[in-house]
Protein backbone atom coordinates (compact mmCIF):
# COMPACT_ATOMS: atom_id res chain seq x y z
CA MET A 1 -20.34 11.57 -16.54
CA THR A 2 -24.08 11.90 -15.90
CA LYS A 3 -25.35 9.74 -13.05
CA ALA A 4 -28.73 8.03 -13.21
CA THR A 5 -31.26 9.47 -10.80
CA ASN A 6 -34.53 7.76 -11.68
CA ILE A 7 -33.68 4.37 -10.16
CA THR A 8 -35.26 2.44 -7.30
CA TRP A 9 -33.94 -0.45 -5.21
CA HIS A 10 -36.18 -3.49 -5.69
CA ALA A 11 -36.55 -5.87 -2.76
CA THR A 12 -36.42 -9.52 -3.77
CA THR A 13 -39.05 -12.07 -2.80
CA ILE A 14 -36.40 -14.37 -1.31
CA THR A 15 -34.54 -12.64 1.51
CA LYS A 16 -31.00 -12.98 2.77
CA GLU A 17 -32.37 -14.68 5.87
CA ASP A 18 -34.30 -17.17 3.68
CA ARG A 19 -31.10 -18.07 1.83
CA ARG A 20 -29.12 -18.48 5.04
CA LEU A 21 -31.79 -20.72 6.51
CA LYS A 22 -31.88 -22.94 3.44
CA LYS A 23 -28.08 -23.18 3.23
CA GLY A 24 -27.72 -23.86 6.95
CA HIS A 25 -25.03 -21.27 7.62
CA GLY A 26 -24.53 -17.54 7.88
CA SER A 27 -23.04 -15.22 5.29
CA CYS A 28 -20.37 -12.56 5.60
CA VAL A 29 -17.35 -11.06 3.92
CA LEU A 30 -13.89 -11.95 5.17
CA TRP A 31 -12.02 -8.81 4.11
CA PHE A 32 -8.33 -9.74 3.93
CA THR A 33 -5.99 -6.76 4.02
CA GLY A 34 -2.21 -6.57 4.18
CA LEU A 35 0.90 -5.81 2.21
CA SER A 36 1.72 -7.44 -1.11
CA GLY A 37 3.38 -10.76 -0.35
CA SER A 38 1.86 -11.05 3.13
CA GLY A 39 -0.15 -14.13 2.16
CA LYS A 40 -3.63 -12.66 1.64
CA SER A 41 -4.51 -14.59 -1.51
CA THR A 42 -2.94 -17.81 -0.30
CA ILE A 43 -4.80 -17.79 3.01
CA ALA A 44 -8.07 -16.53 1.47
CA ASN A 45 -8.00 -19.37 -1.05
CA ALA A 46 -7.17 -21.91 1.65
CA VAL A 47 -10.11 -20.67 3.76
CA SER A 48 -12.39 -20.83 0.73
CA SER A 49 -11.24 -24.37 -0.10
CA GLU A 50 -11.99 -25.57 3.41
CA LEU A 51 -15.41 -23.88 3.36
CA PHE A 52 -16.14 -25.62 0.05
CA ARG A 53 -14.97 -28.96 1.46
CA GLN A 54 -17.43 -28.52 4.32
CA GLY A 55 -20.32 -27.80 1.93
CA ILE A 56 -20.49 -24.08 2.70
CA THR A 57 -21.33 -21.70 -0.14
CA GLU A 58 -18.23 -19.56 -0.75
CA TYR A 59 -16.45 -17.43 -3.31
CA VAL A 60 -13.08 -15.67 -3.55
CA LEU A 61 -12.79 -12.14 -4.91
CA ASP A 62 -9.09 -11.79 -5.73
CA GLY A 63 -7.50 -8.40 -6.37
CA ASP A 64 -5.63 -9.34 -9.53
CA ASN A 65 -8.57 -11.27 -10.98
CA ILE A 66 -10.99 -8.38 -10.45
CA ARG A 67 -8.62 -6.03 -12.27
CA HIS A 68 -8.81 -8.30 -15.32
CA GLY A 69 -12.51 -7.55 -15.72
CA LEU A 70 -14.72 -5.46 -13.47
CA ASN A 71 -11.98 -2.99 -12.58
CA LYS A 72 -9.76 -3.17 -15.65
CA ASP A 73 -10.35 0.55 -16.24
CA LEU A 74 -8.65 1.48 -12.95
CA GLY A 75 -5.02 2.25 -12.23
CA PHE A 76 -3.23 2.63 -8.88
CA SER A 77 -3.68 6.30 -8.06
CA ASP A 78 -5.25 7.04 -4.68
CA HIS A 79 -8.55 7.84 -6.44
CA ASP A 80 -8.50 4.60 -8.45
CA ARG A 81 -7.58 2.52 -5.39
CA THR A 82 -10.55 3.99 -3.55
CA GLU A 83 -12.89 3.27 -6.46
CA ASN A 84 -11.47 -0.25 -6.75
CA ILE A 85 -12.34 -0.96 -3.13
CA ARG A 86 -15.76 0.70 -3.40
CA ARG A 87 -16.75 -1.53 -6.31
CA ILE A 88 -15.49 -4.66 -4.56
CA GLY A 89 -17.44 -3.72 -1.46
CA GLU A 90 -20.64 -3.50 -3.50
CA VAL A 91 -19.98 -6.86 -5.16
CA ALA A 92 -19.17 -8.47 -1.81
CA LYS A 93 -22.45 -7.12 -0.42
CA LEU A 94 -24.35 -8.92 -3.20
CA PHE A 95 -22.56 -12.18 -2.37
CA VAL A 96 -23.43 -11.81 1.31
CA ASP A 97 -27.04 -11.12 0.34
CA SER A 98 -26.98 -14.37 -1.67
CA GLY A 99 -26.10 -16.28 1.49
CA ALA A 100 -22.45 -16.90 0.67
CA LEU A 101 -19.24 -16.46 2.63
CA VAL A 102 -17.06 -14.32 0.39
CA THR A 103 -13.36 -13.86 0.93
CA THR A 104 -11.64 -10.84 -0.57
CA ALA A 105 -7.89 -10.51 -1.04
CA PHE A 106 -6.99 -6.87 -1.64
CA ILE A 107 -4.25 -4.72 -0.19
CA SER A 108 -6.93 -2.03 0.42
CA PRO A 109 -4.30 0.22 2.00
CA PHE A 110 -6.50 3.04 3.31
CA ARG A 111 -8.49 2.79 6.56
CA SER A 112 -11.12 5.22 5.28
CA ASP A 113 -11.84 2.98 2.26
CA ARG A 114 -12.21 -0.11 4.43
CA ALA A 115 -14.44 1.82 6.84
CA GLN A 116 -16.62 2.92 3.93
CA VAL A 117 -17.05 -0.69 2.83
CA ARG A 118 -17.85 -1.76 6.39
CA GLU A 119 -20.76 0.69 6.35
CA LEU A 120 -22.39 -1.32 3.54
CA PHE A 121 -22.93 -4.29 5.83
CA GLN A 122 -24.99 -5.14 8.86
CA ASP A 123 -23.25 -5.79 12.18
CA GLY A 124 -21.18 -8.95 12.08
CA GLU A 125 -21.21 -9.27 8.29
CA PHE A 126 -17.91 -7.45 7.65
CA ILE A 127 -14.96 -9.28 9.15
CA GLU A 128 -11.66 -7.49 8.68
CA VAL A 129 -8.79 -9.97 8.56
CA PHE A 130 -5.42 -8.27 8.92
CA ILE A 131 -2.66 -10.42 7.45
CA ASP A 132 0.12 -8.95 9.55
CA CYS A 133 3.52 -9.57 8.02
CA PRO A 134 6.59 -7.33 8.36
CA LEU A 135 7.60 -5.43 5.23
CA GLU A 136 11.02 -7.11 5.34
CA GLU A 137 9.43 -10.57 5.14
CA CYS A 138 7.07 -9.50 2.35
CA GLU A 139 10.08 -8.20 0.40
CA ARG A 140 11.97 -11.42 1.05
CA ARG A 141 9.10 -13.45 -0.36
CA ASP A 142 8.26 -11.05 -3.23
CA PRO A 143 6.58 -13.77 -5.37
CA LYS A 144 5.86 -11.36 -8.24
CA GLN A 145 9.13 -9.41 -7.98
CA LEU A 146 7.06 -6.27 -7.37
CA TYR A 147 9.18 -4.94 -4.52
CA VAL A 148 12.31 -5.29 -6.62
CA LYS A 149 10.69 -3.29 -9.41
CA ALA A 150 9.34 -0.69 -6.96
CA ARG A 151 12.77 -0.24 -5.38
CA ARG A 152 14.20 0.32 -8.87
CA GLY A 153 11.55 2.95 -9.56
CA GLU A 154 9.81 0.86 -12.21
CA ILE A 155 6.51 0.81 -10.29
CA LYS A 156 5.07 4.03 -8.92
CA ASP A 157 2.62 4.28 -6.01
CA PHE A 158 3.58 0.84 -4.70
CA THR A 159 2.14 0.18 -1.27
CA GLY A 160 4.77 -0.09 1.45
CA ILE A 161 7.50 1.53 -0.65
CA ASN A 162 6.30 4.84 -2.08
CA SER A 163 2.63 4.69 -1.10
CA PRO A 164 1.40 4.22 2.48
CA TYR A 165 -0.28 1.20 4.02
CA GLU A 166 -2.58 2.03 6.93
CA ALA A 167 -2.82 -1.07 9.11
CA PRO A 168 -6.20 -1.80 10.72
CA GLU A 169 -6.60 -0.43 14.23
CA ARG A 170 -9.30 -2.86 15.41
CA PRO A 171 -9.56 -5.80 13.00
CA GLU A 172 -11.80 -8.69 13.91
CA ILE A 173 -8.94 -11.10 13.19
CA THR A 174 -5.17 -10.57 13.06
CA VAL A 175 -3.14 -13.34 11.44
CA ARG A 176 0.63 -13.25 11.89
CA SER A 177 1.52 -14.90 8.61
CA ASP A 178 5.23 -14.72 9.35
CA GLN A 179 4.69 -16.93 12.41
CA LEU A 180 1.82 -19.23 11.39
CA THR A 181 1.55 -21.80 8.63
CA VAL A 182 -1.30 -21.50 6.14
CA GLU A 183 -3.06 -24.37 7.91
CA GLU A 184 -2.72 -22.67 11.30
CA SER A 185 -4.00 -19.41 9.81
CA VAL A 186 -7.06 -21.17 8.40
CA LYS A 187 -7.70 -22.80 11.78
CA GLN A 188 -7.57 -19.40 13.49
CA ILE A 189 -10.08 -17.90 11.06
CA PHE A 190 -12.41 -20.90 11.30
CA GLY A 191 -12.31 -20.59 15.07
CA TYR A 192 -13.64 -17.04 14.79
CA LEU A 193 -16.38 -18.04 12.34
CA GLN A 194 -17.48 -20.86 14.63
CA ASP A 195 -17.42 -18.66 17.73
CA LYS A 196 -19.71 -16.18 15.95
CA ASN A 197 -22.05 -18.99 14.78
CA ILE A 198 -21.51 -18.08 11.13
CA ILE A 199 -20.59 -21.66 10.27
């Protein structure tokens, strides 16, 4: 595939800082990472709902939803997983530039991919939220019956079973979703956002 070379980034008249000032809050990406079944989507949506209730501009980028459209051409090989995360990072950057708080709910199993996305953002704009839940509990929950299928060999390259998950080493936030309720998890995340004067 031939890549375009004669392109230039165009600065907009309205800046990210202008948008933040008008909205009355900061913007960032809350990058949720964790095993399937750990509670990423549930907690990300609960955070987004509370942001919305408080009048804060927000949006959720959900892993499954993105694969219905933007990334429907990608599979689950290591290469495709990396490209999936790269694209989401670029989309999240646009949301942050718009002055929104964007939550992403992707397994994003590889540290190098998450580090590459972090590089797209200014300091304090990329907040890695590790939804820490033991594999045994994720398998017990198994809302989509994916672990069952993976154990039977029906799903290849399934994270945690036959494909690795590299847990964050220094996440901004660690949520123990096997010990906290969804409401408690949201409170923990909001505490961080308030401490950093993002909201």
